[in-house]
Amino acid sequence: MKVDSRKSARLIVVGTLAGILIAGTVCLITSRPAQATPKFATDTGKACAECHVAPAGGGKLTSFGEAFKANGNKLP
């Protein structure tokens, strides 16, 4: 009986570790949406308000911002 309980405990530990390893790997390799930064405005010479309705950037896009997004985040 003790052999079976040890075997069961080992299976639970190994299964848990495998689950943690898989979850960690998935978290590391899944991509996240890009976030705009002031560096883009500096690099391109464009103001945040060129693409965003809010002058400070973020949120709703202007028609130019929509075109930029539709063009794979490259200047149209």
PDB file of N, CA and C in Angstrom:
ATOM      1  N   MET A   1       0.809  -1.192   0.000  1.00  0.00           N
ATOM      2  CA  MET A   1       0.000   0.000   0.000  1.00  0.00           C
ATOM      3  C   MET A   1       0.858   1.265   0.000  1.00  0.00           C
ATOM      4  N   LYS A   2       1.978   1.235   0.716  1.00  0.00           N
ATOM      5  CA  LYS A   2       2.844   2.407   0.750  1.00  0.00           C
ATOM      6  C   LYS A   2       3.479   2.688  -0.608  1.00  0.00           C
ATOM      7  N   VAL A   3       3.749   1.648  -1.371  1.00  0.00           N
ATOM      8  CA  VAL A   3       4.340   1.827  -2.697  1.00  0.00           C
ATOM      9  C   VAL A   3       3.366   2.576  -3.596  1.00  0.00           C
ATOM     10  N   ASP A   4       2.087   2.250  -3.537  1.00  0.00           N
ATOM     11  CA  ASP A   4       1.086   2.916  -4.357  1.00  0.00           C
ATOM     12  C   ASP A   4       0.926   4.387  -3.971  1.00  0.00           C
ATOM     13  N   SER A   5       0.955   4.694  -2.675  1.00  0.00           N
ATOM     14  CA  SER A   5       0.792   6.087  -2.259  1.00  0.00           C
ATOM     15  C   SER A   5       2.010   6.916  -2.653  1.00  0.00           C
ATOM     16  N   ARG A   6       3.201   6.325  -2.600  1.00  0.00           N
ATOM     17  CA  ARG A   6       4.405   7.040  -3.038  1.00  0.00           C
ATOM     18  C   ARG A   6       4.367   7.289  -4.542  1.00  0.00           C
ATOM     19  N   LYS A   7       3.915   6.287  -5.257  1.00  0.00           N
ATOM     20  CA  LYS A   7       3.817   6.420  -6.707  1.00  0.00           C
ATOM     21  C   LYS A   7       2.804   7.502  -7.077  1.00  0.00           C
ATOM     22  N   SER A   8       1.691   7.536  -6.377  1.00  0.00           N
ATOM     23  CA  SER A   8       0.666   8.547  -6.632  1.00  0.00           C
ATOM     24  C   SER A   8       1.199   9.944  -6.300  1.00  0.00           C
ATOM     25  N   ALA A   9       1.896  10.060  -5.180  1.00  0.00           N
ATOM     26  CA  ALA A   9       2.447  11.351  -4.777  1.00  0.00           C
ATOM     27  C   ALA A   9       3.464  11.828  -5.804  1.00  0.00           C
ATOM     28  N   ARG A  10       4.301  10.919  -6.289  1.00  0.00           N
ATOM     29  CA  ARG A  10       5.310  11.270  -7.291  1.00  0.00           C
ATOM     30  C   ARG A  10       4.641  11.741  -8.571  1.00  0.00           C
ATOM     31  N   LEU A  11       3.580  11.048  -8.989  1.00  0.00           N
ATOM     32  CA  LEU A  11       2.850  11.450 -10.198  1.00  0.00           C
ATOM     33  C   LEU A  11       2.231  12.833 -10.046  1.00  0.00           C
ATOM     34  N   ILE A  12       1.710  13.120  -8.867  1.00  0.00           N
ATOM     35  CA  ILE A  12       1.114  14.441  -8.624  1.00  0.00           C
ATOM     36  C   ILE A  12       2.185  15.523  -8.700  1.00  0.00           C
ATOM     37  N   VAL A  13       3.339  15.278  -8.079  1.00  0.00           N
ATOM     38  CA  VAL A  13       4.427  16.267  -8.086  1.00  0.00           C
ATOM     39  C   VAL A  13       4.940  16.486  -9.507  1.00  0.00           C
ATOM     40  N   VAL A  14       5.180  15.405 -10.230  1.00  0.00           N
ATOM     41  CA  VAL A  14       5.692  15.518 -11.598  1.00  0.00           C
ATOM     42  C   VAL A  14       4.667  16.213 -12.493  1.00  0.00           C
ATOM     43  N   GLY A  15       3.396  15.867 -12.341  1.00  0.00           N
ATOM     44  CA  GLY A  15       2.344  16.510 -13.133  1.00  0.00           C
ATOM     45  C   GLY A  15       2.240  17.999 -12.843  1.00  0.00           C
ATOM     46  N   THR A  16       2.343  18.359 -11.564  1.00  0.00           N
ATOM     47  CA  THR A  16       2.283  19.774 -11.177  1.00  0.00           C
ATOM     48  C   THR A  16       3.472  20.542 -11.750  1.00  0.00           C
ATOM     49  N   LEU A  17       4.668  19.960 -11.623  1.00  0.00           N
ATOM     50  CA  LEU A  17       5.856  20.625 -12.172  1.00  0.00           C
ATOM     51  C   LEU A  17       5.768  20.774 -13.689  1.00  0.00           C
ATOM     52  N   ALA A  18       5.263  19.753 -14.361  1.00  0.00           N
ATOM     53  CA  ALA A  18       5.096  19.838 -15.816  1.00  0.00           C
ATOM     54  C   ALA A  18       4.105  20.942 -16.169  1.00  0.00           C
ATOM     55  N   GLY A  19       3.025  21.040 -15.419  1.00  0.00           N
ATOM     56  CA  GLY A  19       2.033  22.095 -15.668  1.00  0.00           C
ATOM     57  C   GLY A  19       2.616  23.482 -15.475  1.00  0.00           C
ATOM     58  N   ILE A  20       3.416  23.646 -14.413  1.00  0.00           N
ATOM     59  CA  ILE A  20       4.057  24.938 -14.156  1.00  0.00           C
ATOM     60  C   ILE A  20       5.045  25.275 -15.272  1.00  0.00           C
ATOM     61  N   LEU A  21       5.806  24.280 -15.706  1.00  0.00           N
ATOM     62  CA  LEU A  21       6.766  24.499 -16.801  1.00  0.00           C
ATOM     63  C   LEU A  21       6.052  24.895 -18.088  1.00  0.00           C
ATOM     64  N   ILE A  22       4.976  24.220 -18.408  1.00  0.00           N
ATOM     65  CA  ILE A  22       4.211  24.542 -19.624  1.00  0.00           C
ATOM     66  C   ILE A  22       3.612  25.939 -19.528  1.00  0.00           C
ATOM     67  N   ALA A  23       3.007  26.258 -18.376  1.00  0.00           N
ATOM     68  CA  ALA A  23       2.400  27.581 -18.204  1.00  0.00           C
ATOM     69  C   ALA A  23       3.458  28.680 -18.301  1.00  0.00           C
ATOM     70  N   GLY A  24       4.626  28.459 -17.693  1.00  0.00           N
ATOM     71  CA  GLY A  24       5.702  29.447 -17.764  1.00  0.00           C
ATOM     72  C   GLY A  24       6.200  29.647 -19.180  1.00  0.00           C
ATOM     73  N   THR A  25       6.337  28.551 -19.912  1.00  0.00           N
ATOM     74  CA  THR A  25       6.786  28.631 -21.297  1.00  0.00           C
ATOM     75  C   THR A  25       5.785  29.398 -22.152  1.00  0.00           C
ATOM     76  N   VAL A  26       4.512  29.115 -21.974  1.00  0.00           N
ATOM     77  CA  VAL A  26       3.472  29.814 -22.735  1.00  0.00           C
ATOM     78  C   VAL A  26       3.506  31.308 -22.426  1.00  0.00           C
ATOM     79  N   CYS A  27       3.684  31.662 -21.164  1.00  0.00           N
ATOM     80  CA  CYS A  27       3.744  33.083 -20.793  1.00  0.00           C
ATOM     81  C   CYS A  27       4.936  33.782 -21.438  1.00  0.00           C
ATOM     82  N   LEU A  28       6.041  33.069 -21.562  1.00  0.00           N
ATOM     83  CA  LEU A  28       7.235  33.689 -22.146  1.00  0.00           C
ATOM     84  C   LEU A  28       7.166  33.844 -23.657  1.00  0.00           C
ATOM     85  N   ILE A  29       6.489  32.916 -24.339  1.00  0.00           N
ATOM     86  CA  ILE A  29       6.516  32.966 -25.799  1.00  0.00           C
ATOM     87  C   ILE A  29       5.313  33.651 -26.430  1.00  0.00           C
ATOM     88  N   THR A  30       4.267  33.900 -25.658  1.00  0.00           N
ATOM     89  CA  THR A  30       3.118  34.578 -26.248  1.00  0.00           C
ATOM     90  C   THR A  30       3.428  36.058 -26.412  1.00  0.00           C
ATOM     91  N   SER A  31       3.017  36.594 -27.523  1.00  0.00           N
ATOM     92  CA  SER A  31       3.302  38.004 -27.782  1.00  0.00           C
ATOM     93  C   SER A  31       2.262  38.879 -27.107  1.00  0.00           C
ATOM     94  N   ARG A  32       2.667  40.075 -26.854  1.00  0.00           N
ATOM     95  CA  ARG A  32       1.776  41.065 -26.246  1.00  0.00           C
ATOM     96  C   ARG A  32       1.617  42.219 -27.228  1.00  0.00           C
ATOM     97  N   PRO A  33       0.484  42.901 -27.170  1.00  0.00           N
ATOM     98  CA  PRO A  33       0.301  44.038 -28.078  1.00  0.00           C
ATOM     99  C   PRO A  33       1.342  45.128 -27.799  1.00  0.00           C
ATOM    100  N   ALA A  34       1.813  45.715 -28.858  1.00  0.00           N
ATOM    101  CA  ALA A  34       2.786  46.798 -28.709  1.00  0.00           C
ATOM    102  C   ALA A  34       2.113  48.023 -28.117  1.00  0.00           C
ATOM    103  N   GLN A  35       2.872  48.778 -27.390  1.00  0.00           N
ATOM    104  CA  GLN A  35       2.358  50.003 -26.799  1.00  0.00           C
ATOM    105  C   GLN A  35       3.168  51.171 -27.361  1.00  0.00           C
ATOM    106  N   ALA A  36       2.473  52.208 -27.743  1.00  0.00           N
ATOM    107  CA  ALA A  36       3.152  53.379 -28.292  1.00  0.00           C
ATOM    108  C   ALA A  36       4.009  54.035 -27.214  1.00  0.00           C
ATOM    109  N   THR A  37       5.110  54.599 -27.635  1.00  0.00           N
ATOM    110  CA  THR A  37       5.998  55.290 -26.699  1.00  0.00           C
ATOM    111  C   THR A  37       6.396  56.633 -27.280  1.00  0.00           C
ATOM    112  N   PRO A  38       6.795  57.559 -26.441  1.00  0.00           N
ATOM    113  CA  PRO A  38       7.256  58.853 -26.939  1.00  0.00           C
ATOM    114  C   PRO A  38       8.464  58.701 -27.869  1.00  0.00           C
ATOM    115  N   LYS A  39       9.218  57.604 -27.744  1.00  0.00           N
ATOM    116  CA  LYS A  39      10.376  57.378 -28.598  1.00  0.00           C
ATOM    117  C   LYS A  39       9.973  57.336 -30.064  1.00  0.00           C
ATOM    118  N   PHE A  40       8.794  56.766 -30.373  1.00  0.00           N
ATOM    119  CA  PHE A  40       8.334  56.724 -31.765  1.00  0.00           C
ATOM    120  C   PHE A  40       8.194  58.149 -32.303  1.00  0.00           C
ATOM    121  N   ALA A  41       7.577  59.018 -31.500  1.00  0.00           N
ATOM    122  CA  ALA A  41       7.410  60.410 -31.931  1.00  0.00           C
ATOM    123  C   ALA A  41       8.771  61.072 -32.141  1.00  0.00           C
ATOM    124  N   THR A  42       9.712  60.772 -31.269  1.00  0.00           N
ATOM    125  CA  THR A  42      11.060  61.335 -31.403  1.00  0.00           C
ATOM    126  C   THR A  42      11.745  60.815 -32.666  1.00  0.00           C
ATOM    127  N   ASP A  43      11.633  59.509 -32.909  1.00  0.00           N
ATOM    128  CA  ASP A  43      12.288  58.893 -34.074  1.00  0.00           C
ATOM    129  C   ASP A  43      11.705  59.378 -35.397  1.00  0.00           C
ATOM    130  N   THR A  44      10.386  59.587 -35.444  1.00  0.00           N
ATOM    131  CA  THR A  44       9.734  59.958 -36.702  1.00  0.00           C
ATOM    132  C   THR A  44       9.559  61.460 -36.870  1.00  0.00           C
ATOM    133  N   GLY A  45       9.696  62.201 -35.779  1.00  0.00           N
ATOM    134  CA  GLY A  45       9.464  63.637 -35.844  1.00  0.00           C
ATOM    135  C   GLY A  45       7.990  64.001 -35.851  1.00  0.00           C
ATOM    136  N   LYS A  46       7.133  63.020 -35.634  1.00  0.00           N
ATOM    137  CA  LYS A  46       5.691  63.254 -35.624  1.00  0.00           C
ATOM    138  C   LYS A  46       5.217  63.431 -34.187  1.00  0.00           C
ATOM    139  N   ALA A  47       4.260  64.311 -33.988  1.00  0.00           N
ATOM    140  CA  ALA A  47       3.656  64.492 -32.668  1.00  0.00           C
ATOM    141  C   ALA A  47       2.698  63.342 -32.391  1.00  0.00           C
ATOM    142  N   CYS A  48       2.461  63.053 -31.114  1.00  0.00           N
ATOM    143  CA  CYS A  48       1.529  61.983 -30.733  1.00  0.00           C
ATOM    144  C   CYS A  48       0.144  62.244 -31.340  1.00  0.00           C
ATOM    145  N   ALA A  49      -0.231  63.527 -31.392  1.00  0.00           N
ATOM    146  CA  ALA A  49      -1.556  63.904 -31.904  1.00  0.00           C
ATOM    147  C   ALA A  49      -1.692  63.652 -33.404  1.00  0.00           C
ATOM    148  N   GLU A  50      -0.609  63.323 -34.071  1.00  0.00           N
ATOM    149  CA  GLU A  50      -0.687  62.988 -35.494  1.00  0.00           C
ATOM    150  C   GLU A  50      -1.492  61.691 -35.674  1.00  0.00           C
ATOM    151  N   CYS A  51      -1.292  60.739 -34.772  1.00  0.00           N
ATOM    152  CA  CYS A  51      -1.983  59.452 -34.859  1.00  0.00           C
ATOM    153  C   CYS A  51      -3.123  59.311 -33.857  1.00  0.00           C
ATOM    154  N   HIS A  52      -3.046  60.031 -32.740  1.00  0.00           N
ATOM    155  CA  HIS A  52      -4.019  59.888 -31.665  1.00  0.00           C
ATOM    156  C   HIS A  52      -4.880  61.135 -31.526  1.00  0.00           C
ATOM    157  N   VAL A  53      -6.138  60.927 -31.155  1.00  0.00           N
ATOM    158  CA  VAL A  53      -7.049  62.042 -30.925  1.00  0.00           C
ATOM    159  C   VAL A  53      -6.578  62.849 -29.712  1.00  0.00           C
ATOM    160  N   ALA A  54      -6.162  62.147 -28.660  1.00  0.00           N
ATOM    161  CA  ALA A  54      -5.648  62.828 -27.472  1.00  0.00           C
ATOM    162  C   ALA A  54      -4.254  63.375 -27.781  1.00  0.00           C
ATOM    163  N   PRO A  55      -4.002  64.646 -27.511  1.00  0.00           N
ATOM    164  CA  PRO A  55      -2.709  65.242 -27.828  1.00  0.00           C
ATOM    165  C   PRO A  55      -1.518  64.522 -27.198  1.00  0.00           C
ATOM    166  N   ALA A  56      -1.725  63.892 -26.037  1.00  0.00           N
ATOM    167  CA  ALA A  56      -0.637  63.191 -25.360  1.00  0.00           C
ATOM    168  C   ALA A  56      -0.485  61.754 -25.862  1.00  0.00           C
ATOM    169  N   GLY A  57      -1.346  61.334 -26.775  1.00  0.00           N
ATOM    170  CA  GLY A  57      -1.278  59.979 -27.323  1.00  0.00           C
ATOM    171  C   GLY A  57      -2.155  59.006 -26.563  1.00  0.00           C
ATOM    172  N   GLY A  58      -2.285  57.801 -27.102  1.00  0.00           N
ATOM    173  CA  GLY A  58      -3.109  56.768 -26.484  1.00  0.00           C
ATOM    174  C   GLY A  58      -4.573  56.915 -26.847  1.00  0.00           C
ATOM    175  N   GLY A  59      -5.311  55.825 -26.730  1.00  0.00           N
ATOM    176  CA  GLY A  59      -6.746  55.871 -26.978  1.00  0.00           C
ATOM    177  C   GLY A  59      -7.112  55.877 -28.452  1.00  0.00           C
ATOM    178  N   LYS A  60      -8.167  56.611 -28.770  1.00  0.00           N
ATOM    179  CA  LYS A  60      -8.724  56.640 -30.119  1.00  0.00           C
ATOM    180  C   LYS A  60      -7.731  57.213 -31.127  1.00  0.00           C
ATOM    181  N   LEU A  61      -7.742  56.595 -32.330  1.00  0.00           N
ATOM    182  CA  LEU A  61      -6.823  57.017 -33.390  1.00  0.00           C
ATOM    183  C   LEU A  61      -7.490  57.990 -34.364  1.00  0.00           C
ATOM    184  N   THR A  62      -6.666  58.852 -34.962  1.00  0.00           N
ATOM    185  CA  THR A  62      -7.122  59.724 -36.038  1.00  0.00           C
ATOM    186  C   THR A  62      -7.158  58.896 -37.330  1.00  0.00           C
ATOM    187  N   SER A  63      -7.615  59.480 -38.422  1.00  0.00           N
ATOM    188  CA  SER A  63      -7.626  58.755 -39.693  1.00  0.00           C
ATOM    189  C   SER A  63      -6.191  58.412 -40.115  1.00  0.00           C
ATOM    190  N   PHE A  64      -5.240  59.311 -39.846  1.00  0.00           N
ATOM    191  CA  PHE A  64      -3.838  59.017 -40.135  1.00  0.00           C
ATOM    192  C   PHE A  64      -3.360  57.841 -39.278  1.00  0.00           C
ATOM    193  N   GLY A  65      -3.742  57.834 -38.009  1.00  0.00           N
ATOM    194  CA  GLY A  65      -3.377  56.741 -37.105  1.00  0.00           C
ATOM    195  C   GLY A  65      -3.966  55.418 -37.554  1.00  0.00           C
ATOM    196  N   GLU A  66      -5.207  55.439 -38.044  1.00  0.00           N
ATOM    197  CA  GLU A  66      -5.840  54.225 -38.562  1.00  0.00           C
ATOM    198  C   GLU A  66      -5.098  53.720 -39.799  1.00  0.00           C
ATOM    199  N   ALA A  67      -4.692  54.652 -40.673  1.00  0.00           N
ATOM    200  CA  ALA A  67      -3.943  54.264 -41.873  1.00  0.00           C
ATOM    201  C   ALA A  67      -2.590  53.677 -41.487  1.00  0.00           C
ATOM    202  N   PHE A  68      -1.954  54.269 -40.485  1.00  0.00           N
ATOM    203  CA  PHE A  68      -0.674  53.768 -39.989  1.00  0.00           C
ATOM    204  C   PHE A  68      -0.837  52.347 -39.454  1.00  0.00           C
ATOM    205  N   LYS A  69      -1.875  52.129 -38.671  1.00  0.00           N
ATOM    206  CA  LYS A  69      -2.152  50.805 -38.101  1.00  0.00           C
ATOM    207  C   LYS A  69      -2.447  49.797 -39.196  1.00  0.00           C
ATOM    208  N   ALA A  70      -3.258  50.182 -40.174  1.00  0.00           N
ATOM    209  CA  ALA A  70      -3.625  49.286 -41.282  1.00  0.00           C
ATOM    210  C   ALA A  70      -2.426  48.942 -42.163  1.00  0.00           C
ATOM    211  N   ASN A  71      -1.413  49.796 -42.155  1.00  0.00           N
ATOM    212  CA  ASN A  71      -0.221  49.594 -42.969  1.00  0.00           C
ATOM    213  C   ASN A  71       0.870  48.836 -42.198  1.00  0.00           C
ATOM    214  N   GLY A  72       0.471  48.102 -41.154  1.00  0.00           N
ATOM    215  CA  GLY A  72       1.450  47.338 -40.385  1.00  0.00           C
ATOM    216  C   GLY A  72       2.352  48.201 -39.522  1.00  0.00           C
ATOM    217  N   ASN A  73       1.796  49.319 -39.003  1.00  0.00           N
ATOM    218  CA  ASN A  73       2.539  50.257 -38.169  1.00  0.00           C
ATOM    219  C   ASN A  73       3.754  50.838 -38.892  1.00  0.00           C
ATOM    220  N   LYS A  74       3.553  51.118 -40.158  1.00  0.00           N
ATOM    221  CA  LYS A  74       4.566  51.798 -40.969  1.00  0.00           C
ATOM    222  C   LYS A  74       3.931  53.050 -41.540  1.00  0.00           C
ATOM    223  N   LEU A  75       4.733  54.072 -41.723  1.00  0.00           N
ATOM    224  CA  LEU A  75       4.175  55.306 -42.267  1.00  0.00           C
ATOM    225  C   LEU A  75       3.618  55.075 -43.660  1.00  0.00           C
ATOM    226  N   PRO A  76       2.379  55.529 -43.895  1.00  0.00           N
ATOM    227  CA  PRO A  76       1.759  55.322 -45.223  1.00  0.00           C
ATOM    228  C   PRO A  76       2.395  56.205 -46.283  1.00  0.00           C
TER     229      PRO A  76
END
